[in-house]
């Protein structure tokens, strides 16, 4: 715990007891505990938000990569068939 051993903590507690008195010390310890809990909660929330944003960015990059690969595959198929247009007949000429 921050490099403090038991003797150092006892000395700090004794000084706090002398300075603040036995009536105020429990209230101060409670307030300090609440403040540390709130700080920890805020730090955890911040960490979760950063992780969610990183995950969303990774998903976005994976989606862009997949779209790029799909476009390349379409171009390859179009090049192999000799035409980049749809040959279904719905574009103009009537057959028959």
PDB file of N, CA and C in Angstrom:
ATOM      1  N   UNK A   1       0.843  -1.186   0.000  1.00  0.00           N
ATOM      2  CA  UNK A   1       0.000   0.000   0.000  1.00  0.00           C
ATOM      3  C   UNK A   1       0.881   1.240   0.000  1.00  0.00           C
ATOM      4  N   UNK A   2       1.306   1.684  -1.164  1.00  0.00           N
ATOM      5  CA  UNK A   2       2.082   2.896  -1.381  1.00  0.00           C
ATOM      6  C   UNK A   2       3.403   2.902  -0.624  1.00  0.00           C
ATOM      7  N   UNK A   3       3.927   1.764  -0.262  1.00  0.00           N
ATOM      8  CA  UNK A   3       5.213   1.688   0.407  1.00  0.00           C
ATOM      9  C   UNK A   3       5.179   2.029   1.887  1.00  0.00           C
ATOM     10  N   UNK A   4       3.999   2.142   2.475  1.00  0.00           N
ATOM     11  CA  UNK A   4       3.888   2.417   3.898  1.00  0.00           C
ATOM     12  C   UNK A   4       3.680   1.102   4.637  1.00  0.00           C
ATOM     13  N   UNK A   5       4.438   0.939   5.710  1.00  0.00           N
ATOM     14  CA  UNK A   5       4.272  -0.247   6.536  1.00  0.00           C
ATOM     15  C   UNK A   5       3.345   0.035   7.699  1.00  0.00           C
ATOM     16  N   UNK A   6       3.171  -0.958   8.546  1.00  0.00           N
ATOM     17  CA  UNK A   6       2.289  -0.815   9.701  1.00  0.00           C
ATOM     18  C   UNK A   6       2.776   0.276  10.666  1.00  0.00           C
ATOM     19  N   UNK A   7       4.070   0.378  10.974  1.00  0.00           N
ATOM     20  CA  UNK A   7       4.503   1.443  11.897  1.00  0.00           C
ATOM     21  C   UNK A   7       4.190   2.847  11.382  1.00  0.00           C
ATOM     22  N   UNK A   8       4.374   3.062  10.076  1.00  0.00           N
ATOM     23  CA  UNK A   8       4.088   4.389   9.514  1.00  0.00           C
ATOM     24  C   UNK A   8       2.602   4.716   9.605  1.00  0.00           C
ATOM     25  N   UNK A   9       1.762   3.717   9.323  1.00  0.00           N
ATOM     26  CA  UNK A   9       0.320   3.950   9.395  1.00  0.00           C
ATOM     27  C   UNK A   9      -0.139   4.243  10.824  1.00  0.00           C
ATOM     28  N   UNK A  10       0.450   3.570  11.799  1.00  0.00           N
ATOM     29  CA  UNK A  10       0.101   3.826  13.202  1.00  0.00           C
ATOM     30  C   UNK A  10       0.487   5.248  13.592  1.00  0.00           C
ATOM     31  N   UNK A  11       1.645   5.697  13.149  1.00  0.00           N
ATOM     32  CA  UNK A  11       2.086   7.072  13.454  1.00  0.00           C
ATOM     33  C   UNK A  11       1.142   8.083  12.805  1.00  0.00           C
ATOM     34  N   UNK A  12       0.771   7.850  11.543  1.00  0.00           N
ATOM     35  CA  UNK A  12      -0.149   8.763  10.852  1.00  0.00           C
ATOM     36  C   UNK A  12      -1.504   8.795  11.567  1.00  0.00           C
ATOM     37  N   UNK A  13      -2.001   7.627  11.972  1.00  0.00           N
ATOM     38  CA  UNK A  13      -3.276   7.555  12.686  1.00  0.00           C
ATOM     39  C   UNK A  13      -3.199   8.291  14.026  1.00  0.00           C
ATOM     40  N   UNK A  14      -2.090   8.150  14.745  1.00  0.00           N
ATOM     41  CA  UNK A  14      -1.924   8.837  16.031  1.00  0.00           C
ATOM     42  C   UNK A  14      -1.900  10.345  15.832  1.00  0.00           C
ATOM     43  N   UNK A  15      -1.206  10.803  14.805  1.00  0.00           N
ATOM     44  CA  UNK A  15      -1.160  12.256  14.536  1.00  0.00           C
ATOM     45  C   UNK A  15      -2.549  12.764  14.161  1.00  0.00           C
ATOM     46  N   UNK A  16      -3.274  12.019  13.335  1.00  0.00           N
ATOM     47  CA  UNK A  16      -4.622  12.423  12.949  1.00  0.00           C
ATOM     48  C   UNK A  16      -5.536  12.470  14.174  1.00  0.00           C
ATOM     49  N   UNK A  17      -5.393  11.513  15.074  1.00  0.00           N
ATOM     50  CA  UNK A  17      -6.202  11.482  16.290  1.00  0.00           C
ATOM     51  C   UNK A  17      -5.914  12.701  17.162  1.00  0.00           C
ATOM     52  N   UNK A  18      -4.660  13.088  17.253  1.00  0.00           N
ATOM     53  CA  UNK A  18      -4.293  14.259  18.052  1.00  0.00           C
ATOM     54  C   UNK A  18      -4.811  15.539  17.403  1.00  0.00           C
ATOM     55  N   UNK A  19      -4.651  15.655  16.094  1.00  0.00           N
ATOM     56  CA  UNK A  19      -5.026  16.890  15.397  1.00  0.00           C
ATOM     57  C   UNK A  19      -6.547  17.061  15.338  1.00  0.00           C
ATOM     58  N   UNK A  20      -7.274  16.007  14.977  1.00  0.00           N
ATOM     59  CA  UNK A  20      -8.701  16.148  14.751  1.00  0.00           C
ATOM     60  C   UNK A  20      -9.568  15.742  15.934  1.00  0.00           C
ATOM     61  N   UNK A  21      -9.046  14.991  16.838  1.00  0.00           N
ATOM     62  CA  UNK A  21      -9.807  14.576  18.013  1.00  0.00           C
ATOM     63  C   UNK A  21     -10.604  13.318  17.744  1.00  0.00           C
ATOM     64  N   UNK A  22     -11.009  12.650  18.814  1.00  0.00           N
ATOM     65  CA  UNK A  22     -11.711  11.369  18.669  1.00  0.00           C
ATOM     66  C   UNK A  22     -13.146  11.507  18.131  1.00  0.00           C
ATOM     67  N   UNK A  23     -13.763  12.692  18.263  1.00  0.00           N
ATOM     68  CA  UNK A  23     -15.128  12.846  17.766  1.00  0.00           C
ATOM     69  C   UNK A  23     -15.169  13.029  16.243  1.00  0.00           C
ATOM     70  N   UNK A  24     -14.238  13.773  15.696  1.00  0.00           N
ATOM     71  CA  UNK A  24     -14.258  14.072  14.262  1.00  0.00           C
ATOM     72  C   UNK A  24     -13.566  13.008  13.424  1.00  0.00           C
ATOM     73  N   UNK A  25     -12.686  12.228  14.000  1.00  0.00           N
ATOM     74  CA  UNK A  25     -11.900  11.263  13.235  1.00  0.00           C
ATOM     75  C   UNK A  25     -12.773  10.215  12.525  1.00  0.00           C
ATOM     76  N   UNK A  26     -13.783   9.612  13.182  1.00  0.00           N
ATOM     77  CA  UNK A  26     -14.618   8.645  12.449  1.00  0.00           C
ATOM     78  C   UNK A  26     -15.382   9.267  11.270  1.00  0.00           C
ATOM     79  N   UNK A  27     -15.873  10.494  11.462  1.00  0.00           N
ATOM     80  CA  UNK A  27     -16.568  11.172  10.364  1.00  0.00           C
ATOM     81  C   UNK A  27     -15.623  11.464   9.205  1.00  0.00           C
ATOM     82  N   UNK A  28     -14.416  11.865   9.522  1.00  0.00           N
ATOM     83  CA  UNK A  28     -13.434  12.142   8.472  1.00  0.00           C
ATOM     84  C   UNK A  28     -13.043  10.853   7.745  1.00  0.00           C
ATOM     85  N   UNK A  29     -12.880   9.777   8.489  1.00  0.00           N
ATOM     86  CA  UNK A  29     -12.545   8.494   7.862  1.00  0.00           C
ATOM     87  C   UNK A  29     -13.686   8.028   6.951  1.00  0.00           C
ATOM     88  N   UNK A  30     -14.915   8.220   7.391  1.00  0.00           N
ATOM     89  CA  UNK A  30     -16.069   7.849   6.579  1.00  0.00           C
ATOM     90  C   UNK A  30     -16.118   8.689   5.301  1.00  0.00           C
ATOM     91  N   UNK A  31     -15.884   9.979   5.429  1.00  0.00           N
ATOM     92  CA  UNK A  31     -15.878  10.864   4.256  1.00  0.00           C
ATOM     93  C   UNK A  31     -14.753  10.484   3.294  1.00  0.00           C
ATOM     94  N   UNK A  32     -13.606  10.165   3.843  1.00  0.00           N
ATOM     95  CA  UNK A  32     -12.479   9.753   3.004  1.00  0.00           C
ATOM     96  C   UNK A  32     -12.796   8.444   2.288  1.00  0.00           C
ATOM     97  N   UNK A  33     -13.415   7.515   2.979  1.00  0.00           N
ATOM     98  CA  UNK A  33     -13.815   6.246   2.364  1.00  0.00           C
ATOM     99  C   UNK A  33     -14.810   6.440   1.229  1.00  0.00           C
ATOM    100  N   UNK A  34     -15.787   7.319   1.442  1.00  0.00           N
ATOM    101  CA  UNK A  34     -16.769   7.610   0.393  1.00  0.00           C
ATOM    102  C   UNK A  34     -16.097   8.264  -0.807  1.00  0.00           C
ATOM    103  N   UNK A  35     -15.200   9.201  -0.537  1.00  0.00           N
ATOM    104  CA  UNK A  35     -14.498   9.882  -1.631  1.00  0.00           C
ATOM    105  C   UNK A  35     -13.663   8.884  -2.440  1.00  0.00           C
ATOM    106  N   UNK A  36     -12.975   7.991  -1.756  1.00  0.00           N
ATOM    107  CA  UNK A  36     -12.176   6.992  -2.466  1.00  0.00           C
ATOM    108  C   UNK A  36     -13.065   6.039  -3.262  1.00  0.00           C
ATOM    109  N   UNK A  37     -14.212   5.661  -2.711  1.00  0.00           N
ATOM    110  CA  UNK A  37     -15.142   4.787  -3.433  1.00  0.00           C
ATOM    111  C   UNK A  37     -15.679   5.491  -4.683  1.00  0.00           C
ATOM    112  N   UNK A  38     -16.025   6.773  -4.560  1.00  0.00           N
ATOM    113  CA  UNK A  38     -16.506   7.532  -5.717  1.00  0.00           C
ATOM    114  C   UNK A  38     -15.415   7.664  -6.772  1.00  0.00           C
ATOM    115  N   UNK A  39     -14.196   7.901  -6.325  1.00  0.00           N
ATOM    116  CA  UNK A  39     -13.081   8.012  -7.264  1.00  0.00           C
ATOM    117  C   UNK A  39     -12.867   6.692  -7.997  1.00  0.00           C
ATOM    118  N   UNK A  40     -12.921   5.585  -7.272  1.00  0.00           N
ATOM    119  CA  UNK A  40     -12.741   4.266  -7.886  1.00  0.00           C
ATOM    120  C   UNK A  40     -13.856   3.993  -8.886  1.00  0.00           C
ATOM    121  N   UNK A  41     -15.089   4.337  -8.538  1.00  0.00           N
ATOM    122  CA  UNK A  41     -16.223   4.132  -9.436  1.00  0.00           C
ATOM    123  C   UNK A  41     -16.049   4.964 -10.713  1.00  0.00           C
ATOM    124  N   UNK A  42     -15.630   6.214 -10.549  1.00  0.00           N
ATOM    125  CA  UNK A  42     -15.415   7.077 -11.717  1.00  0.00           C
ATOM    126  C   UNK A  42     -14.290   6.534 -12.593  1.00  0.00           C
ATOM    127  N   UNK A  43     -13.222   6.053 -11.970  1.00  0.00           N
ATOM    128  CA  UNK A  43     -12.118   5.483 -12.734  1.00  0.00           C
ATOM    129  C   UNK A  43     -12.562   4.234 -13.486  1.00  0.00           C
ATOM    130  N   UNK A  44     -13.371   3.393 -12.861  1.00  0.00           N
ATOM    131  CA  UNK A  44     -13.885   2.189 -13.523  1.00  0.00           C
ATOM    132  C   UNK A  44     -14.802   2.563 -14.690  1.00  0.00           C
ATOM    133  N   UNK A  45     -15.653   3.561 -14.499  1.00  0.00           N
ATOM    134  CA  UNK A  45     -16.535   4.010 -15.573  1.00  0.00           C
ATOM    135  C   UNK A  45     -15.718   4.533 -16.751  1.00  0.00           C
ATOM    136  N   UNK A  46     -14.694   5.314 -16.456  1.00  0.00           N
ATOM    137  CA  UNK A  46     -13.820   5.856 -17.497  1.00  0.00           C
ATOM    138  C   UNK A  46     -13.139   4.722 -18.260  1.00  0.00           C
ATOM    139  N   UNK A  47     -12.640   3.741 -17.529  1.00  0.00           N
ATOM    140  CA  UNK A  47     -11.978   2.594 -18.145  1.00  0.00           C
ATOM    141  C   UNK A  47     -12.947   1.838 -19.049  1.00  0.00           C
ATOM    142  N   UNK A  48     -14.175   1.622 -18.586  1.00  0.00           N
ATOM    143  CA  UNK A  48     -15.182   0.922 -19.385  1.00  0.00           C
ATOM    144  C   UNK A  48     -15.526   1.691 -20.660  1.00  0.00           C
ATOM    145  N   UNK A  49     -15.639   2.993 -20.555  1.00  0.00           N
ATOM    146  CA  UNK A  49     -15.943   3.818 -21.728  1.00  0.00           C
ATOM    147  C   UNK A  49     -14.819   3.723 -22.745  1.00  0.00           C
ATOM    148  N   UNK A  50     -13.577   3.798 -22.281  1.00  0.00           N
ATOM    149  CA  UNK A  50     -12.432   3.704 -23.186  1.00  0.00           C
ATOM    150  C   UNK A  50     -12.411   2.339 -23.864  1.00  0.00           C
ATOM    151  N   UNK A  51     -12.668   1.274 -23.120  1.00  0.00           N
ATOM    152  CA  UNK A  51     -12.681  -0.073 -23.695  1.00  0.00           C
ATOM    153  C   UNK A  51     -13.799  -0.222 -24.717  1.00  0.00           C
ATOM    154  N   UNK A  52     -14.983   0.342 -24.436  1.00  0.00           N
ATOM    155  CA  UNK A  52     -16.099   0.277 -25.382  1.00  0.00           C
ATOM    156  C   UNK A  52     -15.763   1.025 -26.666  1.00  0.00           C
ATOM    157  N   UNK A  53     -15.149   2.185 -26.540  1.00  0.00           N
ATOM    158  CA  UNK A  53     -14.768   2.963 -27.717  1.00  0.00           C
ATOM    159  C   UNK A  53     -13.730   2.214 -28.547  1.00  0.00           C
ATOM    160  N   UNK A  54     -12.772   1.575 -27.887  1.00  0.00           N
ATOM    161  CA  UNK A  54     -11.750   0.807 -28.602  1.00  0.00           C
ATOM    162  C   UNK A  54     -12.390  -0.372 -29.329  1.00  0.00           C
ATOM    163  N   UNK A  55     -13.312  -1.048 -28.663  1.00  0.00           N
ATOM    164  CA  UNK A  55     -14.019  -2.175 -29.281  1.00  0.00           C
ATOM    165  C   UNK A  55     -14.834  -1.702 -30.490  1.00  0.00           C
ATOM    166  N   UNK A  56     -15.514  -0.571 -30.361  1.00  0.00           N
ATOM    167  CA  UNK A  56     -16.312  -0.031 -31.458  1.00  0.00           C
ATOM    168  C   UNK A  56     -15.414   0.343 -32.641  1.00  0.00           C
ATOM    169  N   UNK A  57     -14.264   0.907 -32.357  1.00  0.00           N
ATOM    170  CA  UNK A  57     -13.327   1.272 -33.424  1.00  0.00           C
ATOM    171  C   UNK A  57     -12.807   0.024 -34.140  1.00  0.00           C
ATOM    172  N   UNK A  58     -12.505  -1.033 -33.384  1.00  0.00           N
ATOM    173  CA  UNK A  58     -12.050  -2.287 -33.990  1.00  0.00           C
ATOM    174  C   UNK A  58     -13.143  -2.876 -34.882  1.00  0.00           C
ATOM    175  N   UNK A  59     -14.387  -2.840 -34.411  1.00  0.00           N
ATOM    176  CA  UNK A  59     -15.501  -3.358 -35.203  1.00  0.00           C
ATOM    177  C   UNK A  59     -15.687  -2.536 -36.471  1.00  0.00           C
ATOM    178  N   UNK A  60     -15.533  -1.222 -36.370  1.00  0.00           N
ATOM    179  CA  UNK A  60     -15.666  -0.348 -37.527  1.00  0.00           C
ATOM    180  C   UNK A  60     -14.586  -0.670 -38.549  1.00  0.00           C
ATOM    181  N   UNK A  61     -13.355  -0.864 -38.097  1.00  0.00           N
ATOM    182  CA  UNK A  61     -12.267  -1.191 -39.006  1.00  0.00           C
ATOM    183  C   UNK A  61     -12.486  -2.554 -39.654  1.00  0.00           C
ATOM    184  N   UNK A  62     -12.986  -3.522 -38.889  1.00  0.00           N
ATOM    185  CA  UNK A  62     -13.252  -4.849 -39.448  1.00  0.00           C
ATOM    186  C   UNK A  62     -14.355  -4.760 -40.503  1.00  0.00           C
ATOM    187  N   UNK A  63     -15.384  -3.968 -40.262  1.00  0.00           N
ATOM    188  CA  UNK A  63     -16.470  -3.789 -41.220  1.00  0.00           C
ATOM    189  C   UNK A  63     -15.964  -3.130 -42.498  1.00  0.00           C
ATOM    190  N   UNK A  64     -15.144  -2.094 -42.357  1.00  0.00           N
ATOM    191  CA  UNK A  64     -14.579  -1.430 -43.527  1.00  0.00           C
ATOM    192  C   UNK A  64     -13.718  -2.393 -44.338  1.00  0.00           C
ATOM    193  N   UNK A  65     -12.952  -3.224 -43.652  1.00  0.00           N
ATOM    194  CA  UNK A  65     -12.113  -4.201 -44.328  1.00  0.00           C
ATOM    195  C   UNK A  65     -12.972  -5.212 -45.081  1.00  0.00           C
ATOM    196  N   UNK A  66     -14.055  -5.674 -44.456  1.00  0.00           N
ATOM    197  CA  UNK A  66     -14.951  -6.632 -45.095  1.00  0.00           C
ATOM    198  C   UNK A  66     -15.629  -6.004 -46.312  1.00  0.00           C
ATOM    199  N   UNK A  67     -16.050  -4.749 -46.206  1.00  0.00           N
ATOM    200  CA  UNK A  67     -16.663  -4.065 -47.343  1.00  0.00           C
ATOM    201  C   UNK A  67     -15.675  -3.917 -48.489  1.00  0.00           C
ATOM    202  N   UNK A  68     -14.443  -3.590 -48.162  1.00  0.00           N
ATOM    203  CA  UNK A  68     -13.402  -3.444 -49.182  1.00  0.00           C
ATOM    204  C   UNK A  68     -13.164  -4.784 -49.880  1.00  0.00           C
ATOM    205  N   UNK A  69     -13.105  -5.858 -49.111  1.00  0.00           N
ATOM    206  CA  UNK A  69     -12.900  -7.179 -49.699  1.00  0.00           C
ATOM    207  C   UNK A  69     -14.086  -7.570 -50.578  1.00  0.00           C
ATOM    208  N   UNK A  70     -15.301  -7.208 -50.160  1.00  0.00           N
ATOM    209  CA  UNK A  70     -16.480  -7.512 -50.970  1.00  0.00           C
ATOM    210  C   UNK A  70     -16.441  -6.755 -52.288  1.00  0.00           C
ATOM    211  N   UNK A  71     -16.055  -5.494 -52.250  1.00  0.00           N
ATOM    212  CA  UNK A  71     -15.943  -4.711 -53.483  1.00  0.00           C
ATOM    213  C   UNK A  71     -14.884  -5.291 -54.406  1.00  0.00           C
ATOM    214  N   UNK A  72     -13.745  -5.698 -53.835  1.00  0.00           N
ATOM    215  CA  UNK A  72     -12.689  -6.299 -54.641  1.00  0.00           C
ATOM    216  C   UNK A  72     -13.170  -7.607 -55.264  1.00  0.00           C
ATOM    217  N   UNK A  73     -13.947  -8.381 -54.509  1.00  0.00           N
ATOM    218  CA  UNK A  73     -14.475  -9.634 -55.044  1.00  0.00           C
ATOM    219  C   UNK A  73     -15.459  -9.354 -56.174  1.00  0.00           C
ATOM    220  N   UNK A  74     -16.305  -8.349 -56.035  1.00  0.00           N
ATOM    221  CA  UNK A  74     -17.232  -7.984 -57.100  1.00  0.00           C
ATOM    222  C   UNK A  74     -16.491  -7.552 -58.350  1.00  0.00           C
ATOM    223  N   UNK A  75     -15.427  -6.761 -58.167  1.00  0.00           N
ATOM    224  CA  UNK A  75     -14.634  -6.317 -59.310  1.00  0.00           C
ATOM    225  C   UNK A  75     -13.962  -7.492 -59.997  1.00  0.00           C
ATOM    226  N   UNK A  76     -13.476  -8.435 -59.218  1.00  0.00           N
ATOM    227  CA  UNK A  76     -12.832  -9.615 -59.783  1.00  0.00           C
ATOM    228  C   UNK A  76     -13.833 -10.433 -60.582  1.00  0.00           C
ATOM    229  N   UNK A  77     -15.008 -10.628 -60.047  1.00  0.00           N
ATOM    230  CA  UNK A  77     -16.046 -11.376 -60.754  1.00  0.00           C
ATOM    231  C   UNK A  77     -16.439 -10.643 -62.035  1.00  0.00           C
ATOM    232  N   UNK A  78     -16.573  -9.332 -61.959  1.00  0.00           N
ATOM    233  CA  UNK A  78     -16.937  -8.541 -63.128  1.00  0.00           C
ATOM    234  C   UNK A  78     -15.844  -8.631 -64.187  1.00  0.00           C
ATOM    235  N   UNK A  79     -14.594  -8.586 -63.793  1.00  0.00           N
ATOM    236  CA  UNK A  79     -13.483  -8.691 -64.730  1.00  0.00           C
ATOM    237  C   UNK A  79     -13.451 -10.066 -65.382  1.00  0.00           C
ATOM    238  N   UNK A  80     -13.745 -11.102 -64.606  1.00  0.00           N
ATOM    239  CA  UNK A  80     -13.714 -12.463 -65.126  1.00  0.00           C
ATOM    240  C   UNK A  80     -14.854 -12.722 -66.109  1.00  0.00           C
ATOM    241  N   UNK A  81     -16.004 -12.081 -65.887  1.00  0.00           N
ATOM    242  CA  UNK A  81     -17.138 -12.280 -66.787  1.00  0.00           C
ATOM    243  C   UNK A  81     -17.042 -11.387 -68.004  1.00  0.00           C
ATOM    244  N   UNK A  82     -16.145 -10.427 -67.987  1.00  0.00           N
ATOM    245  CA  UNK A  82     -15.939  -9.562 -69.137  1.00  0.00           C
ATOM    246  C   UNK A  82     -16.805  -8.328 -69.141  1.00  0.00           C
ATOM    247  N   UNK A  83     -17.635  -8.158 -68.157  1.00  0.00           N
ATOM    248  CA  UNK A  83     -18.529  -7.015 -68.120  1.00  0.00           C
ATOM    249  C   UNK A  83     -18.796  -6.643 -66.674  1.00  0.00           C
ATOM    250  N   UNK A  84     -18.892  -5.363 -66.442  1.00  0.00           N
ATOM    251  CA  UNK A  84     -19.187  -4.915 -65.100  1.00  0.00           C
ATOM    252  C   UNK A  84     -20.653  -4.648 -64.883  1.00  0.00           C
ATOM    253  N   UNK A  85     -21.464  -4.963 -65.926  1.00  0.00           N
ATOM    254  CA  UNK A  85     -22.895  -4.665 -65.838  1.00  0.00           C
ATOM    255  C   UNK A  85     -23.672  -5.945 -65.611  1.00  0.00           C
ATOM    256  N   UNK A  86     -24.878  -5.763 -65.173  1.00  0.00           N
ATOM    257  CA  UNK A  86     -25.785  -6.886 -64.942  1.00  0.00           C
ATOM    258  C   UNK A  86     -26.337  -7.359 -66.275  1.00  0.00           C
ATOM    259  N   UNK A  87     -26.238  -8.640 -66.588  1.00  0.00           N
ATOM    260  CA  UNK A  87     -26.707  -9.195 -67.852  1.00  0.00           C
ATOM    261  C   UNK A  87     -28.099  -9.800 -67.721  1.00  0.00           C
ATOM    262  N   UNK A  88     -28.900  -9.323 -66.835  1.00  0.00           N
ATOM    263  CA  UNK A  88     -30.212  -9.925 -66.607  1.00  0.00           C
ATOM    264  C   UNK A  88     -31.237  -9.505 -67.655  1.00  0.00           C
ATOM    265  N   UNK A  89     -30.955  -8.499 -68.443  1.00  0.00           N
ATOM    266  CA  UNK A  89     -31.878  -8.073 -69.469  1.00  0.00           C
ATOM    267  C   UNK A  89     -32.818  -6.978 -69.007  1.00  0.00           C
ATOM    268  N   UNK A  90     -32.733  -6.511 -67.808  1.00  0.00           N
ATOM    269  CA  UNK A  90     -33.641  -5.487 -67.308  1.00  0.00           C
ATOM    270  C   UNK A  90     -33.156  -4.103 -67.640  1.00  0.00           C
ATOM    271  N   UNK A  91     -32.028  -3.995 -68.320  1.00  0.00           N
ATOM    272  CA  UNK A  91     -31.446  -2.683 -68.537  1.00  0.00           C
ATOM    273  C   UNK A  91     -31.816  -2.031 -69.847  1.00  0.00           C
ATOM    274  N   UNK A  92     -32.487  -2.673 -70.786  1.00  0.00           N
ATOM    275  CA  UNK A  92     -32.811  -1.954 -71.995  1.00  0.00           C
ATOM    276  C   UNK A  92     -33.265  -2.837 -73.121  1.00  0.00           C
ATOM    277  N   UNK A  93     -32.455  -3.741 -73.570  1.00  0.00           N
ATOM    278  CA  UNK A  93     -32.809  -4.569 -74.704  1.00  0.00           C
ATOM    279  C   UNK A  93     -33.818  -5.629 -74.342  1.00  0.00           C
ATOM    280  N   UNK A  94     -34.731  -5.852 -75.251  1.00  0.00           N
ATOM    281  CA  UNK A  94     -35.662  -6.973 -75.064  1.00  0.00           C
ATOM    282  C   UNK A  94     -35.145  -8.141 -75.883  1.00  0.00           C
ATOM    283  N   UNK A  95     -35.222  -9.257 -75.276  1.00  0.00           N
ATOM    284  CA  UNK A  95     -34.786 -10.462 -75.980  1.00  0.00           C
ATOM    285  C   UNK A  95     -36.017 -11.252 -76.399  1.00  0.00           C
ATOM    286  N   UNK A  96     -35.917 -11.849 -77.543  1.00  0.00           N
ATOM    287  CA  UNK A  96     -36.988 -12.744 -77.830  1.00  0.00           C
ATOM    288  C   UNK A  96     -37.612 -12.695 -79.109  1.00  0.00           C
TER     289      UNK A  96
END
